[in-house]
Amino acid sequence: MVVSLAGEWDIYRRAELRERLEPAYAEREIVLDLTAAKYVTSTLICALVVMQKHRVAQSLPQAVLAVKSAFVRRLLTATGLDGLFPIYESLEEAVADPQPDPA
């Protein structure tokens, strides 16, 4: 399943973000499409960490991110999320990479 997170993600859109990320708490394979994200804040970063912790606790495979923006990519790297999620430059690459089940 692909969840699109286009635009700007800050505190003012946190309710929408929670709603958009809801499938990521149950779907086996999930790709978060950030290719059209222009601006993100700690609101998105925290939501991604919480979601991934839940996925680990439920023994679900890692969520995969598709990110084009250099700004968003730098932020993910600076916060260490590039070690928590596989990150691809295109949605096509992200969808093509099936994640193994956790051990």
PDB file of N, CA and C in Angstrom:
ATOM      1  N   MET A   1       0.846  -1.179   0.000  1.00  0.00           N
ATOM      2  CA  MET A   1       0.000   0.000   0.000  1.00  0.00           C
ATOM      3  C   MET A   1       0.890   1.240   0.000  1.00  0.00           C
ATOM      4  N   VAL A   2       0.471   2.242  -0.727  1.00  0.00           N
ATOM      5  CA  VAL A   2       1.199   3.508  -0.801  1.00  0.00           C
ATOM      6  C   VAL A   2       0.372   4.593  -0.107  1.00  0.00           C
ATOM      7  N   VAL A   3       1.032   5.345   0.771  1.00  0.00           N
ATOM      8  CA  VAL A   3       0.408   6.480   1.443  1.00  0.00           C
ATOM      9  C   VAL A   3       1.139   7.734   0.981  1.00  0.00           C
ATOM     10  N   SER A   4       0.402   8.638   0.350  1.00  0.00           N
ATOM     11  CA  SER A   4       0.999   9.874  -0.153  1.00  0.00           C
ATOM     12  C   SER A   4       1.002  10.941   0.932  1.00  0.00           C
ATOM     13  N   LEU A   5       2.167  11.572   1.118  1.00  0.00           N
ATOM     14  CA  LEU A   5       2.317  12.650   2.083  1.00  0.00           C
ATOM     15  C   LEU A   5       2.901  13.873   1.367  1.00  0.00           C
ATOM     16  N   ALA A   6       2.105  14.458   0.502  1.00  0.00           N
ATOM     17  CA  ALA A   6       2.536  15.599  -0.305  1.00  0.00           C
ATOM     18  C   ALA A   6       2.334  16.909   0.458  1.00  0.00           C
ATOM     19  N   GLY A   7       3.127  17.905   0.097  1.00  0.00           N
ATOM     20  CA  GLY A   7       2.949  19.242   0.642  1.00  0.00           C
ATOM     21  C   GLY A   7       3.800  19.522   1.854  1.00  0.00           C
ATOM     22  N   GLU A   8       3.246  20.317   2.771  1.00  0.00           N
ATOM     23  CA  GLU A   8       3.956  20.740   3.969  1.00  0.00           C
ATOM     24  C   GLU A   8       3.361  20.041   5.180  1.00  0.00           C
ATOM     25  N   TRP A   9       4.241  19.480   6.015  1.00  0.00           N
ATOM     26  CA  TRP A   9       3.792  18.732   7.196  1.00  0.00           C
ATOM     27  C   TRP A   9       4.334  19.388   8.455  1.00  0.00           C
ATOM     28  N   ASP A  10       3.459  20.116   9.118  1.00  0.00           N
ATOM     29  CA  ASP A  10       3.826  20.758  10.369  1.00  0.00           C
ATOM     30  C   ASP A  10       2.715  20.513  11.381  1.00  0.00           C
ATOM     31  N   ILE A  11       2.801  21.145  12.516  1.00  0.00           N
ATOM     32  CA  ILE A  11       1.866  20.904  13.616  1.00  0.00           C
ATOM     33  C   ILE A  11       0.411  21.169  13.224  1.00  0.00           C
ATOM     34  N   TYR A  12       0.195  22.066  12.285  1.00  0.00           N
ATOM     35  CA  TYR A  12      -1.163  22.409  11.891  1.00  0.00           C
ATOM     36  C   TYR A  12      -1.855  21.288  11.124  1.00  0.00           C
ATOM     37  N   ARG A  13      -1.098  20.338  10.625  1.00  0.00           N
ATOM     38  CA  ARG A  13      -1.678  19.214   9.873  1.00  0.00           C
ATOM     39  C   ARG A  13      -1.533  17.886  10.621  1.00  0.00           C
ATOM     40  N   ARG A  14      -1.300  17.944  11.920  1.00  0.00           N
ATOM     41  CA  ARG A  14      -1.041  16.706  12.668  1.00  0.00           C
ATOM     42  C   ARG A  14      -2.232  15.760  12.665  1.00  0.00           C
ATOM     43  N   ALA A  15      -3.460  16.269  12.737  1.00  0.00           N
ATOM     44  CA  ALA A  15      -4.639  15.389  12.721  1.00  0.00           C
ATOM     45  C   ALA A  15      -4.742  14.677  11.369  1.00  0.00           C
ATOM     46  N   GLU A  16      -4.524  15.414  10.297  1.00  0.00           N
ATOM     47  CA  GLU A  16      -4.539  14.812   8.964  1.00  0.00           C
ATOM     48  C   GLU A  16      -3.413  13.787   8.827  1.00  0.00           C
ATOM     49  N   LEU A  17      -2.254  14.093   9.377  1.00  0.00           N
ATOM     50  CA  LEU A  17      -1.116  13.178   9.321  1.00  0.00           C
ATOM     51  C   LEU A  17      -1.454  11.867  10.027  1.00  0.00           C
ATOM     52  N   ARG A  18      -2.035  11.965  11.211  1.00  0.00           N
ATOM     53  CA  ARG A  18      -2.440  10.767  11.955  1.00  0.00           C
ATOM     54  C   ARG A  18      -3.391   9.913  11.125  1.00  0.00           C
ATOM     55  N   GLU A  19      -4.342  10.569  10.499  1.00  0.00           N
ATOM     56  CA  GLU A  19      -5.323   9.867   9.661  1.00  0.00           C
ATOM     57  C   GLU A  19      -4.649   9.203   8.452  1.00  0.00           C
ATOM     58  N   ARG A  20      -3.758   9.922   7.811  1.00  0.00           N
ATOM     59  CA  ARG A  20      -3.065   9.379   6.636  1.00  0.00           C
ATOM     60  C   ARG A  20      -2.173   8.192   6.993  1.00  0.00           C
ATOM     61  N   LEU A  21      -1.551   8.239   8.169  1.00  0.00           N
ATOM     62  CA  LEU A  21      -0.638   7.175   8.573  1.00  0.00           C
ATOM     63  C   LEU A  21      -1.351   5.955   9.169  1.00  0.00           C
ATOM     64  N   GLU A  22      -2.635   6.054   9.409  1.00  0.00           N
ATOM     65  CA  GLU A  22      -3.376   4.959  10.034  1.00  0.00           C
ATOM     66  C   GLU A  22      -3.154   3.599   9.358  1.00  0.00           C
ATOM     67  N   PRO A  23      -3.181   3.505   8.015  1.00  0.00           N
ATOM     68  CA  PRO A  23      -2.943   2.199   7.394  1.00  0.00           C
ATOM     69  C   PRO A  23      -1.557   1.624   7.699  1.00  0.00           C
ATOM     70  N   ALA A  24      -0.602   2.477   7.986  1.00  0.00           N
ATOM     71  CA  ALA A  24       0.765   2.022   8.256  1.00  0.00           C
ATOM     72  C   ALA A  24       0.873   1.255   9.573  1.00  0.00           C
ATOM     73  N   TYR A  25      -0.149   1.337  10.396  1.00  0.00           N
ATOM     74  CA  TYR A  25      -0.151   0.608  11.659  1.00  0.00           C
ATOM     75  C   TYR A  25      -0.637  -0.827  11.509  1.00  0.00           C
ATOM     76  N   ALA A  26      -1.177  -1.178  10.344  1.00  0.00           N
ATOM     77  CA  ALA A  26      -1.726  -2.527  10.178  1.00  0.00           C
ATOM     78  C   ALA A  26      -1.311  -3.208   8.877  1.00  0.00           C
ATOM     79  N   GLU A  27      -1.118  -2.425   7.813  1.00  0.00           N
ATOM     80  CA  GLU A  27      -0.767  -3.015   6.516  1.00  0.00           C
ATOM     81  C   GLU A  27       0.602  -3.684   6.574  1.00  0.00           C
ATOM     82  N   ARG A  28       0.704  -4.830   5.974  1.00  0.00           N
ATOM     83  CA  ARG A  28       1.957  -5.580   5.975  1.00  0.00           C
ATOM     84  C   ARG A  28       3.052  -4.816   5.220  1.00  0.00           C
ATOM     85  N   GLU A  29       2.766  -4.416   3.999  1.00  0.00           N
ATOM     86  CA  GLU A  29       3.747  -3.661   3.202  1.00  0.00           C
ATOM     87  C   GLU A  29       3.235  -2.244   3.014  1.00  0.00           C
ATOM     88  N   ILE A  30       4.085  -1.288   3.361  1.00  0.00           N
ATOM     89  CA  ILE A  30       3.681   0.118   3.272  1.00  0.00           C
ATOM     90  C   ILE A  30       4.830   0.960   2.720  1.00  0.00           C
ATOM     91  N   VAL A  31       4.480   1.821   1.778  1.00  0.00           N
ATOM     92  CA  VAL A  31       5.436   2.786   1.232  1.00  0.00           C
ATOM     93  C   VAL A  31       4.872   4.163   1.524  1.00  0.00           C
ATOM     94  N   LEU A  32       5.660   5.003   2.151  1.00  0.00           N
ATOM     95  CA  LEU A  32       5.263   6.378   2.406  1.00  0.00           C
ATOM     96  C   LEU A  32       5.871   7.242   1.314  1.00  0.00           C
ATOM     97  N   ASP A  33       4.994   7.800   0.501  1.00  0.00           N
ATOM     98  CA  ASP A  33       5.419   8.596  -0.651  1.00  0.00           C
ATOM     99  C   ASP A  33       5.594  10.051  -0.241  1.00  0.00           C
ATOM    100  N   LEU A  34       6.842  10.435  -0.023  1.00  0.00           N
ATOM    101  CA  LEU A  34       7.185  11.816   0.331  1.00  0.00           C
ATOM    102  C   LEU A  34       7.803  12.547  -0.862  1.00  0.00           C
ATOM    103  N   THR A  35       7.616  12.015  -2.067  1.00  0.00           N
ATOM    104  CA  THR A  35       8.248  12.629  -3.239  1.00  0.00           C
ATOM    105  C   THR A  35       7.718  14.031  -3.519  1.00  0.00           C
ATOM    106  N   ALA A  36       6.515  14.332  -3.056  1.00  0.00           N
ATOM    107  CA  ALA A  36       5.964  15.676  -3.260  1.00  0.00           C
ATOM    108  C   ALA A  36       5.918  16.474  -1.956  1.00  0.00           C
ATOM    109  N   ALA A  37       6.599  15.998  -0.922  1.00  0.00           N
ATOM    110  CA  ALA A  37       6.680  16.747   0.341  1.00  0.00           C
ATOM    111  C   ALA A  37       7.675  17.884   0.150  1.00  0.00           C
ATOM    112  N   LYS A  38       7.260  19.077   0.530  1.00  0.00           N
ATOM    113  CA  LYS A  38       8.123  20.238   0.334  1.00  0.00           C
ATOM    114  C   LYS A  38       8.758  20.706   1.643  1.00  0.00           C
ATOM    115  N   TYR A  39       8.034  20.510   2.725  1.00  0.00           N
ATOM    116  CA  TYR A  39       8.500  21.018   4.015  1.00  0.00           C
ATOM    117  C   TYR A  39       8.006  20.072   5.100  1.00  0.00           C
ATOM    118  N   VAL A  40       8.904  19.639   5.969  1.00  0.00           N
ATOM    119  CA  VAL A  40       8.505  18.788   7.083  1.00  0.00           C
ATOM    120  C   VAL A  40       9.143  19.308   8.363  1.00  0.00           C
ATOM    121  N   THR A  41       8.477  19.024   9.464  1.00  0.00           N
ATOM    122  CA  THR A  41       8.977  19.444  10.768  1.00  0.00           C
ATOM    123  C   THR A  41       9.047  18.231  11.683  1.00  0.00           C
ATOM    124  N   SER A  42       9.326  18.499  12.935  1.00  0.00           N
ATOM    125  CA  SER A  42       9.390  17.423  13.918  1.00  0.00           C
ATOM    126  C   SER A  42       8.054  16.698  14.050  1.00  0.00           C
ATOM    127  N   THR A  43       6.971  17.321  13.634  1.00  0.00           N
ATOM    128  CA  THR A  43       5.660  16.660  13.667  1.00  0.00           C
ATOM    129  C   THR A  43       5.695  15.390  12.835  1.00  0.00           C
ATOM    130  N   LEU A  44       6.209  15.481  11.624  1.00  0.00           N
ATOM    131  CA  LEU A  44       6.301  14.300  10.757  1.00  0.00           C
ATOM    132  C   LEU A  44       7.365  13.340  11.274  1.00  0.00           C
ATOM    133  N   ILE A  45       8.501  13.856  11.688  1.00  0.00           N
ATOM    134  CA  ILE A  45       9.585  13.013  12.183  1.00  0.00           C
ATOM    135  C   ILE A  45       9.083  12.159  13.355  1.00  0.00           C
ATOM    136  N   CYS A  46       8.434  12.774  14.318  1.00  0.00           N
ATOM    137  CA  CYS A  46       7.914  12.046  15.482  1.00  0.00           C
ATOM    138  C   CYS A  46       6.866  11.011  15.076  1.00  0.00           C
ATOM    139  N   ALA A  47       5.994  11.384  14.163  1.00  0.00           N
ATOM    140  CA  ALA A  47       4.955  10.452  13.702  1.00  0.00           C
ATOM    141  C   ALA A  47       5.583   9.234  13.031  1.00  0.00           C
ATOM    142  N   LEU A  48       6.648   9.438  12.266  1.00  0.00           N
ATOM    143  CA  LEU A  48       7.326   8.315  11.613  1.00  0.00           C
ATOM    144  C   LEU A  48       7.979   7.392  12.634  1.00  0.00           C
ATOM    145  N   VAL A  49       8.601   7.964  13.657  1.00  0.00           N
ATOM    146  CA  VAL A  49       9.258   7.152  14.686  1.00  0.00           C
ATOM    147  C   VAL A  49       8.215   6.332  15.457  1.00  0.00           C
ATOM    148  N   VAL A  50       7.123   6.962  15.861  1.00  0.00           N
ATOM    149  CA  VAL A  50       6.063   6.261  16.592  1.00  0.00           C
ATOM    150  C   VAL A  50       5.489   5.132  15.740  1.00  0.00           C
ATOM    151  N   MET A  51       5.235   5.418  14.463  1.00  0.00           N
ATOM    152  CA  MET A  51       4.694   4.404  13.563  1.00  0.00           C
ATOM    153  C   MET A  51       5.649   3.226  13.424  1.00  0.00           C
ATOM    154  N   GLN A  52       6.933   3.514  13.240  1.00  0.00           N
ATOM    155  CA  GLN A  52       7.904   2.441  13.047  1.00  0.00           C
ATOM    156  C   GLN A  52       8.064   1.597  14.316  1.00  0.00           C
ATOM    157  N   LYS A  53       8.036   2.232  15.487  1.00  0.00           N
ATOM    158  CA  LYS A  53       8.098   1.482  16.743  1.00  0.00           C
ATOM    159  C   LYS A  53       6.912   0.526  16.849  1.00  0.00           C
ATOM    160  N   HIS A  54       5.741   0.996  16.470  1.00  0.00           N
ATOM    161  CA  HIS A  54       4.551   0.147  16.478  1.00  0.00           C
ATOM    162  C   HIS A  54       4.728  -1.031  15.523  1.00  0.00           C
ATOM    163  N   ARG A  55       5.247  -0.763  14.339  1.00  0.00           N
ATOM    164  CA  ARG A  55       5.451  -1.825  13.351  1.00  0.00           C
ATOM    165  C   ARG A  55       6.418  -2.885  13.886  1.00  0.00           C
ATOM    166  N   VAL A  56       7.477  -2.447  14.548  1.00  0.00           N
ATOM    167  CA  VAL A  56       8.439  -3.387  15.127  1.00  0.00           C
ATOM    168  C   VAL A  56       7.752  -4.229  16.207  1.00  0.00           C
ATOM    169  N   ALA A  57       6.982  -3.579  17.077  1.00  0.00           N
ATOM    170  CA  ALA A  57       6.288  -4.291  18.158  1.00  0.00           C
ATOM    171  C   ALA A  57       5.290  -5.310  17.617  1.00  0.00           C
ATOM    172  N   GLN A  58       4.718  -5.041  16.452  1.00  0.00           N
ATOM    173  CA  GLN A  58       3.740  -5.943  15.831  1.00  0.00           C
ATOM    174  C   GLN A  58       4.387  -6.930  14.868  1.00  0.00           C
ATOM    175  N   SER A  59       5.708  -6.931  14.807  1.00  0.00           N
ATOM    176  CA  SER A  59       6.476  -7.802  13.896  1.00  0.00           C
ATOM    177  C   SER A  59       6.096  -7.586  12.425  1.00  0.00           C
ATOM    178  N   LEU A  60       5.845  -6.339  12.071  1.00  0.00           N
ATOM    179  CA  LEU A  60       5.569  -5.981  10.680  1.00  0.00           C
ATOM    180  C   LEU A  60       6.876  -5.559  10.010  1.00  0.00           C
ATOM    181  N   PRO A  61       6.995  -5.757   8.696  1.00  0.00           N
ATOM    182  CA  PRO A  61       8.204  -5.309   7.996  1.00  0.00           C
ATOM    183  C   PRO A  61       8.344  -3.782   8.084  1.00  0.00           C
ATOM    184  N   GLN A  62       9.565  -3.309   7.857  1.00  0.00           N
ATOM    185  CA  GLN A  62       9.814  -1.867   7.864  1.00  0.00           C
ATOM    186  C   GLN A  62       8.951  -1.161   6.838  1.00  0.00           C
ATOM    187  N   ALA A  63       8.524   0.036   7.182  1.00  0.00           N
ATOM    188  CA  ALA A  63       7.918   0.904   6.186  1.00  0.00           C
ATOM    189  C   ALA A  63       9.056   1.420   5.305  1.00  0.00           C
ATOM    190  N   VAL A  64       8.738   1.745   4.059  1.00  0.00           N
ATOM    191  CA  VAL A  64       9.728   2.229   3.096  1.00  0.00           C
ATOM    192  C   VAL A  64       9.355   3.660   2.718  1.00  0.00           C
ATOM    193  N   LEU A  65      10.356   4.529   2.564  1.00  0.00           N
ATOM    194  CA  LEU A  65      10.109   5.926   2.205  1.00  0.00           C
ATOM    195  C   LEU A  65      10.600   6.217   0.794  1.00  0.00           C
ATOM    196  N   ALA A  66       9.826   7.013   0.072  1.00  0.00           N
ATOM    197  CA  ALA A  66      10.245   7.554  -1.216  1.00  0.00           C
ATOM    198  C   ALA A  66      10.371   9.065  -1.027  1.00  0.00           C
ATOM    199  N   VAL A  67      11.577   9.610  -1.247  1.00  0.00           N
ATOM    200  CA  VAL A  67      11.858  11.020  -0.958  1.00  0.00           C
ATOM    201  C   VAL A  67      12.672  11.627  -2.099  1.00  0.00           C
ATOM    202  N   LYS A  68      12.173  12.717  -2.676  1.00  0.00           N
ATOM    203  CA  LYS A  68      12.914  13.426  -3.734  1.00  0.00           C
ATOM    204  C   LYS A  68      13.618  14.676  -3.211  1.00  0.00           C
ATOM    205  N   SER A  69      12.975  15.393  -2.329  1.00  0.00           N
ATOM    206  CA  SER A  69      13.471  16.681  -1.858  1.00  0.00           C
ATOM    207  C   SER A  69      14.796  16.546  -1.105  1.00  0.00           C
ATOM    208  N   ALA A  70      15.768  17.358  -1.506  1.00  0.00           N
ATOM    209  CA  ALA A  70      17.060  17.365  -0.817  1.00  0.00           C
ATOM    210  C   ALA A  70      16.886  17.832   0.629  1.00  0.00           C
ATOM    211  N   PHE A  71      15.994  18.793   0.851  1.00  0.00           N
ATOM    212  CA  PHE A  71      15.730  19.293   2.207  1.00  0.00           C
ATOM    213  C   PHE A  71      15.196  18.172   3.098  1.00  0.00           C
ATOM    214  N   VAL A  72      14.193  17.458   2.610  1.00  0.00           N
ATOM    215  CA  VAL A  72      13.594  16.377   3.396  1.00  0.00           C
ATOM    216  C   VAL A  72      14.617  15.268   3.636  1.00  0.00           C
ATOM    217  N   ARG A  73      15.391  14.947   2.625  1.00  0.00           N
ATOM    218  CA  ARG A  73      16.419  13.905   2.753  1.00  0.00           C
ATOM    219  C   ARG A  73      17.470  14.293   3.807  1.00  0.00           C
ATOM    220  N   ARG A  74      17.915  15.556   3.776  1.00  0.00           N
ATOM    221  CA  ARG A  74      18.891  16.024   4.775  1.00  0.00           C
ATOM    222  C   ARG A  74      18.315  15.934   6.186  1.00  0.00           C
ATOM    223  N   LEU A  75      17.053  16.290   6.331  1.00  0.00           N
ATOM    224  CA  LEU A  75      16.411  16.234   7.642  1.00  0.00           C
ATOM    225  C   LEU A  75      16.313  14.782   8.138  1.00  0.00           C
ATOM    226  N   LEU A  76      15.955  13.869   7.259  1.00  0.00           N
ATOM    227  CA  LEU A  76      15.885  12.455   7.643  1.00  0.00           C
ATOM    228  C   LEU A  76      17.261  11.925   8.038  1.00  0.00           C
ATOM    229  N   THR A  77      18.287  12.362   7.329  1.00  0.00           N
ATOM    230  CA  THR A  77      19.652  11.946   7.656  1.00  0.00           C
ATOM    231  C   THR A  77      20.103  12.558   8.982  1.00  0.00           C
ATOM    232  N   ALA A  78      19.843  13.850   9.167  1.00  0.00           N
ATOM    233  CA  ALA A  78      20.261  14.546  10.388  1.00  0.00           C
ATOM    234  C   ALA A  78      19.596  13.971  11.638  1.00  0.00           C
ATOM    235  N   THR A  79      18.385  13.449  11.489  1.00  0.00           N
ATOM    236  CA  THR A  79      17.664  12.892  12.633  1.00  0.00           C
ATOM    237  C   THR A  79      17.899  11.390  12.800  1.00  0.00           C
ATOM    238  N   GLY A  80      18.677  10.806  11.903  1.00  0.00           N
ATOM    239  CA  GLY A  80      18.983   9.386  12.001  1.00  0.00           C
ATOM    240  C   GLY A  80      17.935   8.461  11.419  1.00  0.00           C
ATOM    241  N   LEU A  81      16.904   9.022  10.803  1.00  0.00           N
ATOM    242  CA  LEU A  81      15.844   8.177  10.248  1.00  0.00           C
ATOM    243  C   LEU A  81      16.285   7.411   9.008  1.00  0.00           C
ATOM    244  N   ASP A  82      17.388   7.834   8.415  1.00  0.00           N
ATOM    245  CA  ASP A  82      17.905   7.073   7.273  1.00  0.00           C
ATOM    246  C   ASP A  82      18.430   5.710   7.725  1.00  0.00           C
ATOM    247  N   GLY A  83      18.641   5.537   9.017  1.00  0.00           N
ATOM    248  CA  GLY A  83      19.024   4.242   9.561  1.00  0.00           C
ATOM    249  C   GLY A  83      17.836   3.412  10.012  1.00  0.00           C
ATOM    250  N   LEU A  84      16.683   4.047  10.116  1.00  0.00           N
ATOM    251  CA  LEU A  84      15.466   3.379  10.572  1.00  0.00           C
ATOM    252  C   LEU A  84      14.589   2.915   9.413  1.00  0.00           C
ATOM    253  N   PHE A  85      14.688   3.623   8.292  1.00  0.00           N
ATOM    254  CA  PHE A  85      13.860   3.332   7.117  1.00  0.00           C
ATOM    255  C   PHE A  85      14.718   3.174   5.873  1.00  0.00           C
ATOM    256  N   PRO A  86      14.383   2.236   5.007  1.00  0.00           N
ATOM    257  CA  PRO A  86      14.969   2.260   3.661  1.00  0.00           C
ATOM    258  C   PRO A  86      14.390   3.484   2.937  1.00  0.00           C
ATOM    259  N   ILE A  87      15.252   4.273   2.304  1.00  0.00           N
ATOM    260  CA  ILE A  87      14.809   5.495   1.623  1.00  0.00           C
ATOM    261  C   ILE A  87      15.235   5.433   0.164  1.00  0.00           C
ATOM    262  N   TYR A  88      14.283   5.702  -0.720  1.00  0.00           N
ATOM    263  CA  TYR A  88      14.522   5.680  -2.163  1.00  0.00           C
ATOM    264  C   TYR A  88      14.167   7.026  -2.766  1.00  0.00           C
ATOM    265  N   GLU A  89      14.767   7.322  -3.909  1.00  0.00           N
ATOM    266  CA  GLU A  89      14.526   8.613  -4.572  1.00  0.00           C
ATOM    267  C   GLU A  89      13.238   8.650  -5.370  1.00  0.00           C
ATOM    268  N   SER A  90      12.680   7.489  -5.694  1.00  0.00           N
ATOM    269  CA  SER A  90      11.443   7.481  -6.468  1.00  0.00           C
ATOM    270  C   SER A  90      10.450   6.500  -5.866  1.00  0.00           C
ATOM    271  N   LEU A  91       9.199   6.746  -6.130  1.00  0.00           N
ATOM    272  CA  LEU A  91       8.142   5.854  -5.677  1.00  0.00           C
ATOM    273  C   LEU A  91       8.287   4.482  -6.324  1.00  0.00           C
ATOM    274  N   GLU A  92       8.666   4.468  -7.591  1.00  0.00           N
ATOM    275  CA  GLU A  92       8.820   3.204  -8.319  1.00  0.00           C
ATOM    276  C   GLU A  92       9.868   2.314  -7.652  1.00  0.00           C
ATOM    277  N   GLU A  93      11.008   2.911  -7.271  1.00  0.00           N
ATOM    278  CA  GLU A  93      12.067   2.141  -6.595  1.00  0.00           C
ATOM    279  C   GLU A  93      11.590   1.621  -5.234  1.00  0.00           C
ATOM    280  N   ALA A  94      10.885   2.469  -4.508  1.00  0.00           N
ATOM    281  CA  ALA A  94      10.412   2.093  -3.167  1.00  0.00           C
ATOM    282  C   ALA A  94       9.405   0.942  -3.247  1.00  0.00           C
ATOM    283  N   VAL A  95       8.497   1.013  -4.199  1.00  0.00           N
ATOM    284  CA  VAL A  95       7.477  -0.039  -4.354  1.00  0.00           C
ATOM    285  C   VAL A  95       8.117  -1.348  -4.786  1.00  0.00           C
ATOM    286  N   ALA A  96       9.186  -1.271  -5.565  1.00  0.00           N
ATOM    287  CA  ALA A  96       9.842  -2.476  -6.098  1.00  0.00           C
ATOM    288  C   ALA A  96      10.670  -3.211  -5.060  1.00  0.00           C
ATOM    289  N   ASP A  97      10.891  -2.626  -3.882  1.00  0.00           N
ATOM    290  CA  ASP A  97      11.749  -3.242  -2.876  1.00  0.00           C
ATOM    291  C   ASP A  97      10.926  -3.863  -1.764  1.00  0.00           C
ATOM    292  N   PRO A  98      10.615  -5.160  -1.894  1.00  0.00           N
ATOM    293  CA  PRO A  98       9.852  -5.803  -0.814  1.00  0.00           C
ATOM    294  C   PRO A  98      10.729  -5.941   0.424  1.00  0.00           C
ATOM    295  N   GLN A  99      10.190  -5.602   1.562  1.00  0.00           N
ATOM    296  CA  GLN A  99      10.929  -5.696   2.806  1.00  0.00           C
ATOM    297  C   GLN A  99      10.731  -7.072   3.422  1.00  0.00           C
ATOM    298  N   PRO A 100      11.817  -7.675   3.894  1.00  0.00           N
ATOM    299  CA  PRO A 100      11.684  -8.989   4.535  1.00  0.00           C
ATOM    300  C   PRO A 100      10.953  -8.863   5.869  1.00  0.00           C
ATOM    301  N   ASP A 101      10.311  -9.947   6.268  1.00  0.00           N
ATOM    302  CA  ASP A 101       9.694  -9.974   7.583  1.00  0.00           C
ATOM    303  C   ASP A 101      10.784  -9.878   8.640  1.00  0.00           C
ATOM    304  N   PRO A 102      10.499  -9.211   9.750  1.00  0.00           N
ATOM    305  CA  PRO A 102      11.497  -9.104  10.815  1.00  0.00           C
ATOM    306  C   PRO A 102      11.807 -10.479  11.394  1.00  0.00           C
ATOM    307  N   ALA A 103      13.021 -10.625  11.855  1.00  0.00           N
ATOM    308  CA  ALA A 103      13.446 -11.927  12.421  1.00  0.00           C
ATOM    309  C   ALA A 103      12.895 -12.113  13.813  1.00  0.00           C
TER     310      ALA A 103
END
